[in-house]
Amino acid sequence: MKFKLLLIPIFALFVSCSNQTGFDRDKETKAILELHNLQRDYHFNKDSISFANLLSKNFISVNKGIISRPKKSEIISRYNNYFSSVEFVKWDDISEPVIKFSDDGTLAYTIVNKIVKITYNNEKGETIEGETHFAWTAIYRKYGNEWKIDCLTSTEEHQSIEKN
């Protein structure tokens, strides 16, 4: 009888640890990391359309105390304006992003810690350099075989602004 009672928790542990959904954590971690790195490329290449394509049609933004559900066209316009007004000097992780997944592998989140350094011309035509420390959480959802960002919650701390 004791032997049978011992088998129950062992069997439960085996079932809970088995990969019934076919979720390959290493493969999906690489996919999320690739999307994370593409965001940097899209900033330096000023590609607002590809950047907006990373976001789901259900995208929610939480930023500066405001919750919004911007349309794709609004996101493209906003980032197009931003990208055309600045030059990126740095868009680098301070530490490796933390990546976690739901048990079934359909949801993931990243916690990002990044320094962004830009230059831009002010109204007098002077070149200004700005550096901002960002921390954010991005929530990804898998739609079919494709990951999309469903929600982004972002904070920022401006480090310095100076004339060149």
N, C-alpha and C. Protein backbone atom coordinates (compact mmCIF):
# COMPACT_ATOMS: atom_id res chain seq x y z
N MET A 1 0.82 -1.19 0.00
CA MET A 1 0.00 0.00 0.00
C MET A 1 0.87 1.26 0.00
N LYS A 2 1.94 1.26 0.83
CA LYS A 2 2.83 2.42 0.86
C LYS A 2 3.47 2.64 -0.50
N PHE A 3 3.80 1.55 -1.19
CA PHE A 3 4.41 1.65 -2.50
C PHE A 3 3.47 2.35 -3.48
N LYS A 4 2.18 1.99 -3.43
CA LYS A 4 1.20 2.61 -4.32
C LYS A 4 1.04 4.09 -4.00
N LEU A 5 1.06 4.45 -2.71
CA LEU A 5 0.94 5.85 -2.32
C LEU A 5 2.15 6.65 -2.80
N LEU A 6 3.31 6.02 -2.82
CA LEU A 6 4.52 6.68 -3.30
C LEU A 6 4.46 6.91 -4.81
N LEU A 7 3.81 6.03 -5.53
CA LEU A 7 3.71 6.16 -6.98
C LEU A 7 2.84 7.35 -7.41
N ILE A 8 1.85 7.68 -6.59
CA ILE A 8 0.94 8.77 -6.96
C ILE A 8 1.68 10.09 -7.12
N PRO A 9 2.49 10.53 -6.13
CA PRO A 9 3.20 11.80 -6.34
C PRO A 9 4.25 11.73 -7.44
N ILE A 10 4.87 10.58 -7.61
CA ILE A 10 5.87 10.43 -8.69
C ILE A 10 5.17 10.56 -10.04
N PHE A 11 4.02 9.92 -10.19
CA PHE A 11 3.27 10.00 -11.43
C PHE A 11 2.81 11.44 -11.67
N ALA A 12 2.32 12.11 -10.63
CA ALA A 12 1.87 13.50 -10.76
C ALA A 12 3.03 14.40 -11.18
N LEU A 13 4.20 14.19 -10.60
CA LEU A 13 5.37 14.96 -10.96
C LEU A 13 5.75 14.72 -12.42
N PHE A 14 5.70 13.48 -12.86
CA PHE A 14 6.02 13.13 -14.24
C PHE A 14 5.06 13.81 -15.21
N VAL A 15 3.77 13.77 -14.90
CA VAL A 15 2.76 14.37 -15.77
C VAL A 15 2.94 15.89 -15.81
N SER A 16 3.19 16.50 -14.65
CA SER A 16 3.32 17.96 -14.61
C SER A 16 4.58 18.42 -15.32
N CYS A 17 5.61 17.60 -15.35
CA CYS A 17 6.87 18.00 -16.00
C CYS A 17 6.91 17.64 -17.48
N SER A 18 5.98 16.83 -17.93
CA SER A 18 6.00 16.43 -19.33
C SER A 18 5.56 17.60 -20.19
N ASN A 19 6.02 17.61 -21.40
CA ASN A 19 5.74 18.70 -22.33
C ASN A 19 4.58 18.30 -23.22
N GLN A 20 3.37 18.42 -22.69
CA GLN A 20 2.19 17.98 -23.42
C GLN A 20 1.81 18.93 -24.55
N THR A 21 2.18 20.17 -24.49
CA THR A 21 1.78 21.15 -25.50
C THR A 21 2.76 21.25 -26.66
N GLY A 22 3.91 20.60 -26.57
CA GLY A 22 4.91 20.73 -27.62
C GLY A 22 5.67 22.04 -27.53
N PHE A 23 5.60 22.71 -26.41
CA PHE A 23 6.24 24.01 -26.20
C PHE A 23 7.75 23.81 -26.03
N ASP A 24 8.52 24.40 -26.93
CA ASP A 24 9.98 24.33 -26.90
C ASP A 24 10.50 25.65 -26.34
N ARG A 25 10.79 25.67 -25.04
CA ARG A 25 11.18 26.91 -24.34
C ARG A 25 12.41 27.56 -24.97
N ASP A 26 13.41 26.77 -25.33
CA ASP A 26 14.63 27.34 -25.93
C ASP A 26 14.33 28.01 -27.27
N LYS A 27 13.55 27.34 -28.09
CA LYS A 27 13.19 27.89 -29.40
C LYS A 27 12.39 29.18 -29.24
N GLU A 28 11.43 29.18 -28.34
CA GLU A 28 10.58 30.36 -28.15
C GLU A 28 11.35 31.51 -27.49
N THR A 29 12.29 31.18 -26.62
CA THR A 29 13.15 32.21 -26.03
C THR A 29 13.96 32.90 -27.11
N LYS A 30 14.50 32.13 -28.04
CA LYS A 30 15.25 32.70 -29.16
C LYS A 30 14.35 33.58 -30.03
N ALA A 31 13.11 33.15 -30.24
CA ALA A 31 12.17 33.93 -31.05
C ALA A 31 11.85 35.27 -30.38
N ILE A 32 11.61 35.25 -29.08
CA ILE A 32 11.32 36.50 -28.36
C ILE A 32 12.56 37.41 -28.36
N LEU A 33 13.73 36.83 -28.15
CA LEU A 33 14.97 37.62 -28.16
C LEU A 33 15.21 38.24 -29.54
N GLU A 34 14.87 37.50 -30.58
CA GLU A 34 15.01 38.03 -31.94
C GLU A 34 14.09 39.24 -32.13
N LEU A 35 12.85 39.15 -31.66
CA LEU A 35 11.93 40.29 -31.76
C LEU A 35 12.44 41.48 -30.94
N HIS A 36 12.98 41.17 -29.78
CA HIS A 36 13.56 42.22 -28.94
C HIS A 36 14.69 42.94 -29.69
N ASN A 37 15.55 42.19 -30.34
CA ASN A 37 16.67 42.78 -31.08
C ASN A 37 16.21 43.50 -32.35
N LEU A 38 15.13 43.03 -32.96
CA LEU A 38 14.60 43.71 -34.14
C LEU A 38 14.12 45.12 -33.79
N GLN A 39 13.61 45.29 -32.57
CA GLN A 39 13.16 46.62 -32.17
C GLN A 39 14.31 47.62 -32.26
N ARG A 40 15.50 47.20 -31.85
CA ARG A 40 16.68 48.06 -31.94
C ARG A 40 16.98 48.38 -33.41
N ASP A 41 16.97 47.35 -34.26
CA ASP A 41 17.22 47.55 -35.68
C ASP A 41 16.23 48.54 -36.29
N TYR A 42 14.95 48.40 -35.93
CA TYR A 42 13.92 49.27 -36.49
C TYR A 42 14.10 50.72 -36.03
N HIS A 43 14.63 50.92 -34.83
CA HIS A 43 14.91 52.28 -34.37
C HIS A 43 16.06 52.88 -35.18
N PHE A 44 17.17 52.15 -35.31
CA PHE A 44 18.32 52.69 -36.03
C PHE A 44 18.03 52.85 -37.53
N ASN A 45 17.20 51.96 -38.08
CA ASN A 45 16.85 52.04 -39.50
C ASN A 45 15.62 52.92 -39.75
N LYS A 46 15.06 53.47 -38.67
CA LYS A 46 13.92 54.38 -38.76
C LYS A 46 12.75 53.74 -39.51
N ASP A 47 12.47 52.50 -39.19
CA ASP A 47 11.44 51.70 -39.88
C ASP A 47 10.19 51.61 -39.00
N SER A 48 9.37 52.64 -39.07
CA SER A 48 8.17 52.69 -38.23
C SER A 48 7.14 51.63 -38.61
N ILE A 49 7.09 51.24 -39.86
CA ILE A 49 6.11 50.24 -40.30
C ILE A 49 6.47 48.87 -39.74
N SER A 50 7.72 48.45 -39.87
CA SER A 50 8.13 47.15 -39.31
C SER A 50 8.00 47.15 -37.80
N PHE A 51 8.30 48.28 -37.17
CA PHE A 51 8.15 48.38 -35.72
C PHE A 51 6.68 48.17 -35.34
N ALA A 52 5.77 48.85 -36.02
CA ALA A 52 4.34 48.72 -35.73
C ALA A 52 3.84 47.31 -36.00
N ASN A 53 4.45 46.62 -36.96
CA ASN A 53 4.04 45.24 -37.27
C ASN A 53 4.37 44.26 -36.15
N LEU A 54 5.23 44.66 -35.21
CA LEU A 54 5.53 43.80 -34.06
C LEU A 54 4.38 43.77 -33.05
N LEU A 55 3.48 44.74 -33.16
CA LEU A 55 2.40 44.90 -32.19
C LEU A 55 1.13 44.21 -32.68
N SER A 56 0.38 43.66 -31.75
CA SER A 56 -0.86 42.98 -32.12
C SER A 56 -1.96 44.00 -32.39
N LYS A 57 -3.04 43.54 -33.00
CA LYS A 57 -4.19 44.43 -33.23
C LYS A 57 -4.88 44.78 -31.92
N ASN A 58 -4.57 44.05 -30.84
CA ASN A 58 -5.13 44.30 -29.51
C ASN A 58 -4.17 45.09 -28.62
N PHE A 59 -3.16 45.71 -29.20
CA PHE A 59 -2.08 46.35 -28.45
C PHE A 59 -2.59 47.40 -27.46
N ILE A 60 -2.04 47.35 -26.25
CA ILE A 60 -2.31 48.33 -25.21
C ILE A 60 -0.99 48.93 -24.76
N SER A 61 -0.95 50.25 -24.64
CA SER A 61 0.23 50.96 -24.16
C SER A 61 -0.07 51.57 -22.80
N VAL A 62 0.88 51.40 -21.87
CA VAL A 62 0.80 52.05 -20.56
C VAL A 62 2.07 52.88 -20.44
N ASN A 63 1.90 54.22 -20.48
CA ASN A 63 3.07 55.09 -20.52
C ASN A 63 2.70 56.46 -19.94
N LYS A 64 3.55 56.96 -19.06
CA LYS A 64 3.37 58.29 -18.46
C LYS A 64 2.00 58.46 -17.83
N GLY A 65 1.51 57.40 -17.18
CA GLY A 65 0.23 57.46 -16.49
C GLY A 65 -0.98 57.35 -17.39
N ILE A 66 -0.78 57.02 -18.65
CA ILE A 66 -1.89 56.93 -19.60
C ILE A 66 -1.97 55.53 -20.19
N ILE A 67 -3.19 54.99 -20.20
CA ILE A 67 -3.46 53.70 -20.85
C ILE A 67 -4.13 54.02 -22.17
N SER A 68 -3.56 53.51 -23.26
CA SER A 68 -4.15 53.78 -24.58
C SER A 68 -4.15 52.51 -25.43
N ARG A 69 -5.01 52.53 -26.42
CA ARG A 69 -5.11 51.46 -27.41
C ARG A 69 -4.96 52.08 -28.80
N PRO A 70 -3.73 52.50 -29.13
CA PRO A 70 -3.55 53.21 -30.40
C PRO A 70 -3.78 52.29 -31.61
N LYS A 71 -4.32 52.88 -32.67
CA LYS A 71 -4.49 52.16 -33.93
C LYS A 71 -3.12 52.04 -34.59
N LYS A 72 -2.98 51.05 -35.46
CA LYS A 72 -1.71 50.84 -36.15
C LYS A 72 -1.27 52.09 -36.91
N SER A 73 -2.20 52.75 -37.56
CA SER A 73 -1.86 53.96 -38.32
C SER A 73 -1.32 55.05 -37.39
N GLU A 74 -1.87 55.14 -36.17
CA GLU A 74 -1.39 56.13 -35.20
C GLU A 74 0.02 55.79 -34.73
N ILE A 75 0.28 54.51 -34.53
CA ILE A 75 1.61 54.07 -34.10
C ILE A 75 2.64 54.38 -35.18
N ILE A 76 2.29 54.06 -36.42
CA ILE A 76 3.21 54.33 -37.54
C ILE A 76 3.50 55.82 -37.64
N SER A 77 2.46 56.63 -37.55
CA SER A 77 2.63 58.08 -37.64
C SER A 77 3.49 58.61 -36.50
N ARG A 78 3.20 58.15 -35.29
CA ARG A 78 3.95 58.61 -34.11
C ARG A 78 5.44 58.25 -34.23
N TYR A 79 5.71 57.00 -34.59
CA TYR A 79 7.11 56.58 -34.68
C TYR A 79 7.79 57.17 -35.91
N ASN A 80 7.08 57.38 -36.98
CA ASN A 80 7.66 58.02 -38.15
C ASN A 80 8.11 59.44 -37.79
N ASN A 81 7.27 60.18 -37.07
CA ASN A 81 7.63 61.52 -36.63
C ASN A 81 8.84 61.49 -35.69
N TYR A 82 8.82 60.56 -34.75
CA TYR A 82 9.92 60.43 -33.79
C TYR A 82 11.21 60.05 -34.51
N PHE A 83 11.15 59.00 -35.33
CA PHE A 83 12.36 58.53 -36.02
C PHE A 83 12.94 59.60 -36.93
N SER A 84 12.09 60.41 -37.56
CA SER A 84 12.60 61.43 -38.49
C SER A 84 13.18 62.64 -37.77
N SER A 85 12.93 62.76 -36.47
CA SER A 85 13.42 63.94 -35.75
C SER A 85 14.68 63.67 -34.91
N VAL A 86 15.11 62.43 -34.83
CA VAL A 86 16.27 62.10 -33.99
C VAL A 86 17.25 61.20 -34.75
N GLU A 87 18.47 61.16 -34.23
CA GLU A 87 19.48 60.19 -34.67
C GLU A 87 19.82 59.35 -33.44
N PHE A 88 19.76 58.06 -33.59
CA PHE A 88 20.08 57.17 -32.47
C PHE A 88 21.58 56.95 -32.39
N VAL A 89 22.13 57.18 -31.22
CA VAL A 89 23.53 56.94 -30.94
C VAL A 89 23.67 55.61 -30.21
N LYS A 90 22.71 55.35 -29.34
CA LYS A 90 22.75 54.15 -28.50
C LYS A 90 21.32 53.71 -28.23
N TRP A 91 21.08 52.42 -28.27
CA TRP A 91 19.78 51.82 -27.91
C TRP A 91 20.14 50.44 -27.38
N ASP A 92 20.76 50.43 -26.20
CA ASP A 92 21.44 49.23 -25.72
C ASP A 92 20.90 48.75 -24.38
N ASP A 93 20.82 47.43 -24.26
CA ASP A 93 20.42 46.82 -23.00
C ASP A 93 21.49 47.05 -21.95
N ILE A 94 21.05 47.39 -20.75
CA ILE A 94 21.96 47.49 -19.61
C ILE A 94 22.23 46.09 -19.07
N SER A 95 21.21 45.26 -19.14
CA SER A 95 21.33 43.86 -18.73
C SER A 95 20.50 43.01 -19.69
N GLU A 96 20.76 41.72 -19.68
CA GLU A 96 19.98 40.81 -20.52
C GLU A 96 18.51 40.92 -20.15
N PRO A 97 17.62 40.96 -21.14
CA PRO A 97 16.19 40.98 -20.82
C PRO A 97 15.79 39.72 -20.06
N VAL A 98 14.90 39.88 -19.11
CA VAL A 98 14.30 38.74 -18.42
C VAL A 98 13.16 38.26 -19.31
N ILE A 99 13.14 36.97 -19.62
CA ILE A 99 12.09 36.41 -20.48
C ILE A 99 11.43 35.26 -19.73
N LYS A 100 10.12 35.34 -19.57
CA LYS A 100 9.34 34.30 -18.89
C LYS A 100 8.16 33.92 -19.77
N PHE A 101 7.69 32.68 -19.61
CA PHE A 101 6.58 32.15 -20.41
C PHE A 101 5.47 31.61 -19.53
N SER A 102 4.25 31.64 -20.07
CA SER A 102 3.15 30.95 -19.42
C SER A 102 3.41 29.44 -19.55
N ASP A 103 2.75 28.66 -18.72
CA ASP A 103 2.97 27.21 -18.74
C ASP A 103 2.67 26.59 -20.10
N ASP A 104 1.68 27.12 -20.81
CA ASP A 104 1.32 26.53 -22.10
C ASP A 104 2.10 27.14 -23.27
N GLY A 105 2.94 28.15 -23.00
CA GLY A 105 3.79 28.71 -24.03
C GLY A 105 3.08 29.64 -25.00
N THR A 106 1.89 30.14 -24.65
CA THR A 106 1.18 31.05 -25.55
C THR A 106 1.35 32.51 -25.16
N LEU A 107 1.86 32.75 -23.96
CA LEU A 107 2.13 34.10 -23.49
C LEU A 107 3.56 34.17 -23.00
N ALA A 108 4.17 35.33 -23.17
CA ALA A 108 5.52 35.55 -22.67
C ALA A 108 5.63 37.01 -22.26
N TYR A 109 6.60 37.28 -21.41
CA TYR A 109 6.89 38.68 -21.13
C TYR A 109 8.39 38.87 -21.05
N THR A 110 8.79 40.10 -21.38
CA THR A 110 10.18 40.49 -21.21
C THR A 110 10.21 41.68 -20.27
N ILE A 111 11.24 41.72 -19.45
CA ILE A 111 11.53 42.88 -18.62
C ILE A 111 12.84 43.43 -19.15
N VAL A 112 12.80 44.69 -19.58
CA VAL A 112 13.92 45.29 -20.31
C VAL A 112 14.46 46.48 -19.52
N ASN A 113 15.78 46.60 -19.51
CA ASN A 113 16.47 47.72 -18.88
C ASN A 113 17.44 48.26 -19.92
N LYS A 114 17.20 49.49 -20.39
CA LYS A 114 17.89 49.98 -21.57
C LYS A 114 18.29 51.45 -21.43
N ILE A 115 19.41 51.79 -22.06
CA ILE A 115 19.84 53.18 -22.21
C ILE A 115 19.66 53.56 -23.68
N VAL A 116 18.99 54.69 -23.89
CA VAL A 116 18.80 55.22 -25.25
C VAL A 116 19.45 56.59 -25.30
N LYS A 117 20.34 56.75 -26.25
CA LYS A 117 21.03 58.03 -26.44
C LYS A 117 20.72 58.51 -27.85
N ILE A 118 20.26 59.76 -27.95
CA ILE A 118 19.89 60.34 -29.23
C ILE A 118 20.53 61.71 -29.39
N THR A 119 20.57 62.17 -30.63
CA THR A 119 20.86 63.56 -30.92
C THR A 119 19.71 64.09 -31.77
N TYR A 120 19.45 65.40 -31.62
CA TYR A 120 18.41 66.05 -32.42
C TYR A 120 18.74 67.53 -32.47
N ASN A 121 18.13 68.22 -33.41
CA ASN A 121 18.32 69.66 -33.54
C ASN A 121 17.15 70.37 -32.87
N ASN A 122 17.50 71.34 -32.01
CA ASN A 122 16.44 72.12 -31.36
C ASN A 122 15.94 73.20 -32.32
N GLU A 123 15.03 74.05 -31.83
CA GLU A 123 14.43 75.09 -32.68
C GLU A 123 15.45 76.10 -33.19
N LYS A 124 16.62 76.22 -32.53
CA LYS A 124 17.68 77.13 -32.97
C LYS A 124 18.65 76.45 -33.93
N GLY A 125 18.42 75.16 -34.20
CA GLY A 125 19.31 74.42 -35.08
C GLY A 125 20.52 73.85 -34.38
N GLU A 126 20.55 73.98 -33.06
CA GLU A 126 21.68 73.44 -32.28
C GLU A 126 21.48 71.93 -32.08
N THR A 127 22.57 71.20 -32.15
CA THR A 127 22.50 69.76 -31.92
C THR A 127 22.49 69.50 -30.43
N ILE A 128 21.46 68.79 -30.00
CA ILE A 128 21.28 68.45 -28.59
C ILE A 128 21.44 66.94 -28.46
N GLU A 129 22.10 66.54 -27.38
CA GLU A 129 22.27 65.12 -27.10
C GLU A 129 21.47 64.79 -25.85
N GLY A 130 20.68 63.75 -25.92
CA GLY A 130 19.89 63.33 -24.77
C GLY A 130 20.09 61.85 -24.50
N GLU A 131 20.04 61.51 -23.24
CA GLU A 131 20.17 60.11 -22.84
C GLU A 131 19.07 59.79 -21.85
N THR A 132 18.39 58.68 -22.07
CA THR A 132 17.28 58.27 -21.22
C THR A 132 17.46 56.82 -20.81
N HIS A 133 17.21 56.56 -19.54
CA HIS A 133 17.20 55.19 -19.01
C HIS A 133 15.76 54.72 -19.03
N PHE A 134 15.48 53.67 -19.79
CA PHE A 134 14.14 53.10 -19.88
C PHE A 134 14.11 51.75 -19.18
N ALA A 135 12.98 51.46 -18.58
CA ALA A 135 12.69 50.11 -18.08
C ALA A 135 11.26 49.83 -18.51
N TRP A 136 11.04 48.65 -19.08
CA TRP A 136 9.68 48.32 -19.51
C TRP A 136 9.42 46.83 -19.43
N THR A 137 8.14 46.53 -19.47
CA THR A 137 7.67 45.15 -19.57
C THR A 137 6.85 45.05 -20.85
N ALA A 138 7.20 44.09 -21.68
CA ALA A 138 6.44 43.81 -22.89
C ALA A 138 5.78 42.45 -22.72
N ILE A 139 4.50 42.40 -23.01
CA ILE A 139 3.75 41.14 -22.93
C ILE A 139 3.49 40.67 -24.36
N TYR A 140 3.96 39.47 -24.65
CA TYR A 140 3.81 38.89 -25.98
C TYR A 140 2.73 37.80 -25.95
N ARG A 141 1.98 37.69 -27.03
CA ARG A 141 1.00 36.62 -27.19
C ARG A 141 1.30 35.94 -28.52
N LYS A 142 1.16 34.63 -28.52
CA LYS A 142 1.40 33.89 -29.75
C LYS A 142 0.10 33.77 -30.52
N TYR A 143 0.11 34.31 -31.73
CA TYR A 143 -1.02 34.23 -32.65
C TYR A 143 -0.63 33.26 -33.75
N GLY A 144 -1.17 32.06 -33.72
CA GLY A 144 -0.73 31.02 -34.65
C GLY A 144 0.71 30.67 -34.33
N ASN A 145 1.60 30.89 -35.27
CA ASN A 145 3.03 30.64 -35.05
C ASN A 145 3.83 31.92 -34.86
N GLU A 146 3.14 33.04 -34.68
CA GLU A 146 3.81 34.33 -34.65
C GLU A 146 3.58 35.04 -33.32
N TRP A 147 4.68 35.53 -32.72
CA TRP A 147 4.60 36.32 -31.50
C TRP A 147 4.31 37.76 -31.85
N LYS A 148 3.42 38.39 -31.09
CA LYS A 148 3.11 39.81 -31.23
C LYS A 148 3.11 40.43 -29.84
N ILE A 149 3.43 41.71 -29.77
CA ILE A 149 3.39 42.42 -28.49
C ILE A 149 1.95 42.88 -28.26
N ASP A 150 1.36 42.40 -27.16
CA ASP A 150 -0.01 42.77 -26.79
C ASP A 150 -0.05 43.99 -25.88
N CYS A 151 1.00 44.16 -25.06
CA CYS A 151 0.99 45.26 -24.10
C CYS A 151 2.42 45.68 -23.81
N LEU A 152 2.60 46.98 -23.65
CA LEU A 152 3.89 47.53 -23.27
C LEU A 152 3.67 48.54 -22.15
N THR A 153 4.33 48.30 -21.03
CA THR A 153 4.30 49.24 -19.90
C THR A 153 5.71 49.78 -19.74
N SER A 154 5.86 51.10 -19.85
CA SER A 154 7.19 51.70 -19.92
C SER A 154 7.36 52.81 -18.89
N THR A 155 8.57 52.87 -18.35
CA THR A 155 8.98 53.98 -17.49
C THR A 155 10.28 54.55 -18.04
N GLU A 156 10.56 55.79 -17.68
CA GLU A 156 11.78 56.40 -18.17
C GLU A 156 12.33 57.38 -17.15
N GLU A 157 13.64 57.53 -17.22
CA GLU A 157 14.34 58.50 -16.39
C GLU A 157 15.36 59.20 -17.28
N HIS A 158 15.17 60.48 -17.49
CA HIS A 158 16.10 61.24 -18.33
C HIS A 158 17.40 61.43 -17.56
N GLN A 159 18.51 61.07 -18.19
CA GLN A 159 19.83 61.15 -17.53
C GLN A 159 20.48 62.51 -17.74
N SER A 160 20.48 62.97 -18.99
CA SER A 160 21.16 64.24 -19.26
C SER A 160 20.72 64.77 -20.62
N ILE A 161 20.80 66.06 -20.76
CA ILE A 161 20.59 66.71 -22.04
C ILE A 161 21.64 67.81 -22.13
N GLU A 162 22.36 67.81 -23.23
CA GLU A 162 23.44 68.81 -23.36
C GLU A 162 23.59 69.24 -24.81
N LYS A 163 24.15 70.40 -24.99
CA LYS A 163 24.46 70.89 -26.35
C LYS A 163 25.80 70.32 -26.78
N ASN A 164 25.90 70.08 -28.06
CA ASN A 164 27.19 69.66 -28.63
C ASN A 164 27.87 70.84 -29.28
